[in-house]
Amino acid sequence: MSRSAVATVLSFVVPGAGLWYLNHRAKAAMNLLVAILLTVLGAMSQREHVHYLFLAIAAGSAGYAHAVARASNNTD
């Protein structure tokens, strides 16, 4: 499995984990903090379909980690 694929899966499960895996520590921390902030704001909204927000956060984090991996030429 390529590094970009591993980073994508890791960031889908835990936002920022894929960036941490790629040694982009500052980006990973920022990604995690933004994901936490959006999750808290979404949970406070008490909307019926808030789970879509959580899925969008996970997908966005995974896509970002994949893009960073590809741009850094970290694909094996």
PDB file of N, CA and C in Angstrom:
ATOM      1  N   MET A   1       0.849  -1.169   0.000  1.00  0.00           N
ATOM      2  CA  MET A   1       0.000   0.000   0.000  1.00  0.00           C
ATOM      3  C   MET A   1       0.899   1.238   0.000  1.00  0.00           C
ATOM      4  N   SER A   2       0.559   2.211  -0.819  1.00  0.00           N
ATOM      5  CA  SER A   2       1.384   3.417  -0.926  1.00  0.00           C
ATOM      6  C   SER A   2       1.204   4.309   0.300  1.00  0.00           C
ATOM      7  N   ARG A   3       2.159   5.195   0.495  1.00  0.00           N
ATOM      8  CA  ARG A   3       2.094   6.109   1.633  1.00  0.00           C
ATOM      9  C   ARG A   3       0.883   7.019   1.541  1.00  0.00           C
ATOM     10  N   SER A   4       0.503   7.421   0.319  1.00  0.00           N
ATOM     11  CA  SER A   4      -0.668   8.283   0.179  1.00  0.00           C
ATOM     12  C   SER A   4      -1.944   7.540   0.571  1.00  0.00           C
ATOM     13  N   ALA A   5      -2.032   6.253   0.253  1.00  0.00           N
ATOM     14  CA  ALA A   5      -3.207   5.464   0.625  1.00  0.00           C
ATOM     15  C   ALA A   5      -3.279   5.274   2.143  1.00  0.00           C
ATOM     16  N   VAL A   6      -2.147   5.003   2.759  1.00  0.00           N
ATOM     17  CA  VAL A   6      -2.111   4.855   4.221  1.00  0.00           C
ATOM     18  C   VAL A   6      -2.503   6.165   4.887  1.00  0.00           C
ATOM     19  N   ALA A   7      -1.966   7.277   4.400  1.00  0.00           N
ATOM     20  CA  ALA A   7      -2.288   8.589   4.968  1.00  0.00           C
ATOM     21  C   ALA A   7      -3.774   8.897   4.812  1.00  0.00           C
ATOM     22  N   THR A   8      -4.351   8.523   3.685  1.00  0.00           N
ATOM     23  CA  THR A   8      -5.770   8.754   3.454  1.00  0.00           C
ATOM     24  C   THR A   8      -6.629   7.984   4.448  1.00  0.00           C
ATOM     25  N   VAL A   9      -6.331   6.713   4.631  1.00  0.00           N
ATOM     26  CA  VAL A   9      -7.109   5.882   5.557  1.00  0.00           C
ATOM     27  C   VAL A   9      -6.948   6.379   6.992  1.00  0.00           C
ATOM     28  N   LEU A  10      -5.727   6.681   7.377  1.00  0.00           N
ATOM     29  CA  LEU A  10      -5.497   7.168   8.736  1.00  0.00           C
ATOM     30  C   LEU A  10      -6.264   8.457   9.013  1.00  0.00           C
ATOM     31  N   SER A  11      -6.241   9.388   8.053  1.00  0.00           N
ATOM     32  CA  SER A  11      -6.931  10.657   8.263  1.00  0.00           C
ATOM     33  C   SER A  11      -8.440  10.524   8.181  1.00  0.00           C
ATOM     34  N   PHE A  12      -8.934   9.508   7.500  1.00  0.00           N
ATOM     35  CA  PHE A  12     -10.379   9.285   7.489  1.00  0.00           C
ATOM     36  C   PHE A  12     -10.849   8.811   8.866  1.00  0.00           C
ATOM     37  N   VAL A  13     -10.025   7.988   9.503  1.00  0.00           N
ATOM     38  CA  VAL A  13     -10.384   7.453  10.818  1.00  0.00           C
ATOM     39  C   VAL A  13     -10.190   8.510  11.909  1.00  0.00           C
ATOM     40  N   VAL A  14      -9.021   9.157  11.908  1.00  0.00           N
ATOM     41  CA  VAL A  14      -8.715  10.217  12.881  1.00  0.00           C
ATOM     42  C   VAL A  14      -8.157  11.407  12.101  1.00  0.00           C
ATOM     43  N   PRO A  15      -8.907  12.499  12.004  1.00  0.00           N
ATOM     44  CA  PRO A  15      -8.419  13.651  11.248  1.00  0.00           C
ATOM     45  C   PRO A  15      -7.031  14.085  11.713  1.00  0.00           C
ATOM     46  N   GLY A  16      -6.128  14.229  10.756  1.00  0.00           N
ATOM     47  CA  GLY A  16      -4.759  14.646  11.052  1.00  0.00           C
ATOM     48  C   GLY A  16      -3.776  13.502  11.210  1.00  0.00           C
ATOM     49  N   ALA A  17      -4.265  12.290  11.430  1.00  0.00           N
ATOM     50  CA  ALA A  17      -3.365  11.158  11.648  1.00  0.00           C
ATOM     51  C   ALA A  17      -2.533  10.846  10.409  1.00  0.00           C
ATOM     52  N   GLY A  18      -3.101  10.993   9.250  1.00  0.00           N
ATOM     53  CA  GLY A  18      -2.353  10.745   8.019  1.00  0.00           C
ATOM     54  C   GLY A  18      -1.255  11.774   7.793  1.00  0.00           C
ATOM     55  N   LEU A  19      -1.547  13.009   8.141  1.00  0.00           N
ATOM     56  CA  LEU A  19      -0.529  14.053   8.025  1.00  0.00           C
ATOM     57  C   LEU A  19       0.588  13.825   9.034  1.00  0.00           C
ATOM     58  N   TRP A  20       0.235  13.365  10.213  1.00  0.00           N
ATOM     59  CA  TRP A  20       1.240  13.031  11.223  1.00  0.00           C
ATOM     60  C   TRP A  20       2.132  11.914  10.694  1.00  0.00           C
ATOM     61  N   TYR A  21       1.522  10.909  10.076  1.00  0.00           N
ATOM     62  CA  TYR A  21       2.246   9.786   9.475  1.00  0.00           C
ATOM     63  C   TYR A  21       3.224  10.271   8.408  1.00  0.00           C
ATOM     64  N   LEU A  22       2.855  11.332   7.694  1.00  0.00           N
ATOM     65  CA  LEU A  22       3.711  11.893   6.645  1.00  0.00           C
ATOM     66  C   LEU A  22       4.729  12.897   7.183  1.00  0.00           C
ATOM     67  N   ASN A  23       4.789  13.042   8.496  1.00  0.00           N
ATOM     68  CA  ASN A  23       5.718  13.964   9.174  1.00  0.00           C
ATOM     69  C   ASN A  23       5.402  15.435   8.907  1.00  0.00           C
ATOM     70  N   HIS A  24       4.142  15.751   8.720  1.00  0.00           N
ATOM     71  CA  HIS A  24       3.676  17.134   8.611  1.00  0.00           C
ATOM     72  C   HIS A  24       2.949  17.449   9.919  1.00  0.00           C
ATOM     73  N   ARG A  25       3.724  17.600  10.975  1.00  0.00           N
ATOM     74  CA  ARG A  25       3.179  17.706  12.328  1.00  0.00           C
ATOM     75  C   ARG A  25       2.303  18.947  12.520  1.00  0.00           C
ATOM     76  N   ALA A  26       2.722  20.096  12.022  1.00  0.00           N
ATOM     77  CA  ALA A  26       1.937  21.322  12.206  1.00  0.00           C
ATOM     78  C   ALA A  26       0.608  21.228  11.456  1.00  0.00           C
ATOM     79  N   LYS A  27       0.638  20.723  10.240  1.00  0.00           N
ATOM     80  CA  LYS A  27      -0.599  20.553   9.469  1.00  0.00           C
ATOM     81  C   LYS A  27      -1.516  19.541  10.142  1.00  0.00           C
ATOM     82  N   ALA A  28      -0.931  18.496  10.718  1.00  0.00           N
ATOM     83  CA  ALA A  28      -1.725  17.475  11.401  1.00  0.00           C
ATOM     84  C   ALA A  28      -2.438  18.060  12.614  1.00  0.00           C
ATOM     85  N   ALA A  29      -1.708  18.828  13.394  1.00  0.00           N
ATOM     86  CA  ALA A  29      -2.298  19.439  14.584  1.00  0.00           C
ATOM     87  C   ALA A  29      -3.415  20.407  14.198  1.00  0.00           C
ATOM     88  N   MET A  30      -3.194  21.203  13.172  1.00  0.00           N
ATOM     89  CA  MET A  30      -4.207  22.153  12.727  1.00  0.00           C
ATOM     90  C   MET A  30      -5.431  21.418  12.185  1.00  0.00           C
ATOM     91  N   ASN A  31      -5.210  20.361  11.432  1.00  0.00           N
ATOM     92  CA  ASN A  31      -6.307  19.574  10.883  1.00  0.00           C
ATOM     93  C   ASN A  31      -7.154  18.975  12.006  1.00  0.00           C
ATOM     94  N   LEU A  32      -6.510  18.442  13.014  1.00  0.00           N
ATOM     95  CA  LEU A  32      -7.227  17.856  14.143  1.00  0.00           C
ATOM     96  C   LEU A  32      -8.000  18.922  14.919  1.00  0.00           C
ATOM     97  N   LEU A  33      -7.386  20.057  15.161  1.00  0.00           N
ATOM     98  CA  LEU A  33      -8.061  21.122  15.902  1.00  0.00           C
ATOM     99  C   LEU A  33      -9.280  21.648  15.155  1.00  0.00           C
ATOM    100  N   VAL A  34      -9.163  21.829  13.851  1.00  0.00           N
ATOM    101  CA  VAL A  34     -10.303  22.293  13.046  1.00  0.00           C
ATOM    102  C   VAL A  34     -11.409  21.237  13.044  1.00  0.00           C
ATOM    103  N   ALA A  35     -11.030  19.977  12.930  1.00  0.00           N
ATOM    104  CA  ALA A  35     -12.027  18.899  12.950  1.00  0.00           C
ATOM    105  C   ALA A  35     -12.754  18.856  14.292  1.00  0.00           C
ATOM    106  N   ILE A  36     -12.027  19.029  15.381  1.00  0.00           N
ATOM    107  CA  ILE A  36     -12.652  19.044  16.699  1.00  0.00           C
ATOM    108  C   ILE A  36     -13.597  20.229  16.836  1.00  0.00           C
ATOM    109  N   LEU A  37     -13.149  21.394  16.390  1.00  0.00           N
ATOM    110  CA  LEU A  37     -13.978  22.593  16.464  1.00  0.00           C
ATOM    111  C   LEU A  37     -15.272  22.414  15.665  1.00  0.00           C
ATOM    112  N   LEU A  38     -15.162  21.922  14.445  1.00  0.00           N
ATOM    113  CA  LEU A  38     -16.351  21.714  13.622  1.00  0.00           C
ATOM    114  C   LEU A  38     -17.270  20.650  14.217  1.00  0.00           C
ATOM    115  N   THR A  39     -16.681  19.619  14.816  1.00  0.00           N
ATOM    116  CA  THR A  39     -17.488  18.578  15.455  1.00  0.00           C
ATOM    117  C   THR A  39     -18.254  19.135  16.640  1.00  0.00           C
ATOM    118  N   VAL A  40     -17.604  19.935  17.454  1.00  0.00           N
ATOM    119  CA  VAL A  40     -18.267  20.531  18.613  1.00  0.00           C
ATOM    120  C   VAL A  40     -19.388  21.470  18.159  1.00  0.00           C
ATOM    121  N   LEU A  41     -19.099  22.309  17.175  1.00  0.00           N
ATOM    122  CA  LEU A  41     -20.130  23.220  16.675  1.00  0.00           C
ATOM    123  C   LEU A  41     -21.296  22.455  16.067  1.00  0.00           C
ATOM    124  N   GLY A  42     -20.992  21.391  15.344  1.00  0.00           N
ATOM    125  CA  GLY A  42     -22.045  20.575  14.751  1.00  0.00           C
ATOM    126  C   GLY A  42     -22.884  19.876  15.793  1.00  0.00           C
ATOM    127  N   ALA A  43     -22.234  19.367  16.830  1.00  0.00           N
ATOM    128  CA  ALA A  43     -22.963  18.684  17.897  1.00  0.00           C
ATOM    129  C   ALA A  43     -23.844  19.662  18.673  1.00  0.00           C
ATOM    130  N   MET A  44     -23.387  20.886  18.817  1.00  0.00           N
ATOM    131  CA  MET A  44     -24.168  21.891  19.524  1.00  0.00           C
ATOM    132  C   MET A  44     -25.400  22.323  18.728  1.00  0.00           C
ATOM    133  N   SER A  45     -25.347  22.160  17.416  1.00  0.00           N
ATOM    134  CA  SER A  45     -26.485  22.577  16.592  1.00  0.00           C
ATOM    135  C   SER A  45     -27.687  21.665  16.777  1.00  0.00           C
ATOM    136  N   GLN A  46     -27.466  20.439  17.211  1.00  0.00           N
ATOM    137  CA  GLN A  46     -28.517  19.455  17.467  1.00  0.00           C
ATOM    138  C   GLN A  46     -29.445  19.279  16.270  1.00  0.00           C
ATOM    139  N   ARG A  47     -28.858  19.265  15.099  1.00  0.00           N
ATOM    140  CA  ARG A  47     -29.631  19.035  13.879  1.00  0.00           C
ATOM    141  C   ARG A  47     -29.885  17.551  13.709  1.00  0.00           C
ATOM    142  N   GLU A  48     -30.888  17.235  12.937  1.00  0.00           N
ATOM    143  CA  GLU A  48     -31.258  15.838  12.725  1.00  0.00           C
ATOM    144  C   GLU A  48     -30.212  15.072  11.919  1.00  0.00           C
ATOM    145  N   HIS A  49     -29.589  15.738  10.969  1.00  0.00           N
ATOM    146  CA  HIS A  49     -28.657  15.065  10.070  1.00  0.00           C
ATOM    147  C   HIS A  49     -27.213  15.519  10.295  1.00  0.00           C
ATOM    148  N   VAL A  50     -26.830  15.718  11.533  1.00  0.00           N
ATOM    149  CA  VAL A  50     -25.488  16.188  11.854  1.00  0.00           C
ATOM    150  C   VAL A  50     -24.427  15.144  11.492  1.00  0.00           C
ATOM    151  N   HIS A  51     -24.810  13.880  11.370  1.00  0.00           N
ATOM    152  CA  HIS A  51     -23.842  12.839  11.018  1.00  0.00           C
ATOM    153  C   HIS A  51     -23.241  13.077   9.628  1.00  0.00           C
ATOM    154  N   TYR A  52     -23.953  13.779   8.763  1.00  0.00           N
ATOM    155  CA  TYR A  52     -23.387  14.114   7.456  1.00  0.00           C
ATOM    156  C   TYR A  52     -22.207  15.078   7.604  1.00  0.00           C
ATOM    157  N   LEU A  53     -22.287  15.955   8.572  1.00  0.00           N
ATOM    158  CA  LEU A  53     -21.179  16.864   8.851  1.00  0.00           C
ATOM    159  C   LEU A  53     -19.952  16.079   9.288  1.00  0.00           C
ATOM    160  N   PHE A  54     -20.148  15.089  10.147  1.00  0.00           N
ATOM    161  CA  PHE A  54     -19.026  14.286  10.613  1.00  0.00           C
ATOM    162  C   PHE A  54     -18.392  13.508   9.459  1.00  0.00           C
ATOM    163  N   LEU A  55     -19.200  13.003   8.570  1.00  0.00           N
ATOM    164  CA  LEU A  55     -18.691  12.295   7.400  1.00  0.00           C
ATOM    165  C   LEU A  55     -17.923  13.245   6.481  1.00  0.00           C
ATOM    166  N   ALA A  56     -18.421  14.457   6.311  1.00  0.00           N
ATOM    167  CA  ALA A  56     -17.729  15.446   5.477  1.00  0.00           C
ATOM    168  C   ALA A  56     -16.385  15.841   6.076  1.00  0.00           C
ATOM    169  N   ILE A  57     -16.317  15.959   7.393  1.00  0.00           N
ATOM    170  CA  ILE A  57     -15.048  16.281   8.056  1.00  0.00           C
ATOM    171  C   ILE A  57     -14.041  15.163   7.825  1.00  0.00           C
ATOM    172  N   ALA A  58     -14.473  13.918   7.990  1.00  0.00           N
ATOM    173  CA  ALA A  58     -13.577  12.772   7.785  1.00  0.00           C
ATOM    174  C   ALA A  58     -13.110  12.702   6.332  1.00  0.00           C
ATOM    175  N   ALA A  59     -14.027  12.893   5.398  1.00  0.00           N
ATOM    176  CA  ALA A  59     -13.661  12.826   3.985  1.00  0.00           C
ATOM    177  C   ALA A  59     -12.736  13.977   3.590  1.00  0.00           C
ATOM    178  N   GLY A  60     -13.006  15.151   4.111  1.00  0.00           N
ATOM    179  CA  GLY A  60     -12.139  16.297   3.815  1.00  0.00           C
ATOM    180  C   GLY A  60     -10.736  16.109   4.357  1.00  0.00           C
ATOM    181  N   SER A  61     -10.642  15.592   5.565  1.00  0.00           N
ATOM    182  CA  SER A  61      -9.340  15.333   6.159  1.00  0.00           C
ATOM    183  C   SER A  61      -8.573  14.281   5.366  1.00  0.00           C
ATOM    184  N   ALA A  62      -9.272  13.234   4.954  1.00  0.00           N
ATOM    185  CA  ALA A  62      -8.632  12.174   4.168  1.00  0.00           C
ATOM    186  C   ALA A  62      -8.163  12.703   2.818  1.00  0.00           C
ATOM    187  N   GLY A  63      -8.993  13.492   2.174  1.00  0.00           N
ATOM    188  CA  GLY A  63      -8.610  14.069   0.879  1.00  0.00           C
ATOM    189  C   GLY A  63      -7.421  15.001   0.991  1.00  0.00           C
ATOM    190  N   TYR A  64      -7.393  15.784   2.055  1.00  0.00           N
ATOM    191  CA  TYR A  64      -6.274  16.690   2.273  1.00  0.00           C
ATOM    192  C   TYR A  64      -4.975  15.920   2.502  1.00  0.00           C
ATOM    193  N   ALA A  65      -5.025  14.872   3.303  1.00  0.00           N
ATOM    194  CA  ALA A  65      -3.832  14.056   3.540  1.00  0.00           C
ATOM    195  C   ALA A  65      -3.348  13.409   2.248  1.00  0.00           C
ATOM    196  N   HIS A  66      -4.273  12.952   1.437  1.00  0.00           N
ATOM    197  CA  HIS A  66      -3.905  12.342   0.153  1.00  0.00           C
ATOM    198  C   HIS A  66      -3.229  13.373  -0.758  1.00  0.00           C
ATOM    199  N   ALA A  67      -3.785  14.564  -0.822  1.00  0.00           N
ATOM    200  CA  ALA A  67      -3.212  15.614  -1.667  1.00  0.00           C
ATOM    201  C   ALA A  67      -1.819  16.019  -1.192  1.00  0.00           C
ATOM    202  N   VAL A  68      -1.635  16.128   0.121  1.00  0.00           N
ATOM    203  CA  VAL A  68      -0.318  16.487   0.663  1.00  0.00           C
ATOM    204  C   VAL A  68       0.693  15.389   0.345  1.00  0.00           C
ATOM    205  N   ALA A  69       0.278  14.144   0.475  1.00  0.00           N
ATOM    206  CA  ALA A  69       1.182  13.027   0.173  1.00  0.00           C
ATOM    207  C   ALA A  69       1.595  13.035  -1.295  1.00  0.00           C
ATOM    208  N   ARG A  70       0.645  13.266  -2.170  1.00  0.00           N
ATOM    209  CA  ARG A  70       0.951  13.282  -3.600  1.00  0.00           C
ATOM    210  C   ARG A  70       1.843  14.466  -3.966  1.00  0.00           C
ATOM    211  N   ALA A  71       1.569  15.610  -3.374  1.00  0.00           N
ATOM    212  CA  ALA A  71       2.362  16.807  -3.658  1.00  0.00           C
ATOM    213  C   ALA A  71       3.784  16.698  -3.116  1.00  0.00           C
ATOM    214  N   SER A  72       3.946  15.949  -2.035  1.00  0.00           N
ATOM    215  CA  SER A  72       5.264  15.783  -1.420  1.00  0.00           C
ATOM    216  C   SER A  72       6.071  14.664  -2.055  1.00  0.00           C
ATOM    217  N   ASN A  73       5.510  14.043  -3.080  1.00  0.00           N
ATOM    218  CA  ASN A  73       6.163  12.900  -3.729  1.00  0.00           C
ATOM    219  C   ASN A  73       6.452  11.785  -2.748  1.00  0.00           C
ATOM    220  N   ASN A  74       5.540  11.586  -1.789  1.00  0.00           N
ATOM    221  CA  ASN A  74       5.697  10.535  -0.786  1.00  0.00           C
ATOM    222  C   ASN A  74       4.943   9.277  -1.172  1.00  0.00           C
ATOM    223  N   THR A  75       4.743   9.059  -2.440  1.00  0.00           N
ATOM    224  CA  THR A  75       4.045   7.852  -2.868  1.00  0.00           C
ATOM    225  C   THR A  75       5.067   6.801  -3.234  1.00  0.00           C
ATOM    226  N   ASP A  76       4.878   5.614  -2.726  1.00  0.00           N
ATOM    227  CA  ASP A  76       5.808   4.529  -2.991  1.00  0.00           C
ATOM    228  C   ASP A  76       5.341   3.712  -4.186  1.00  0.00           C
TER     229      ASP A  76
END
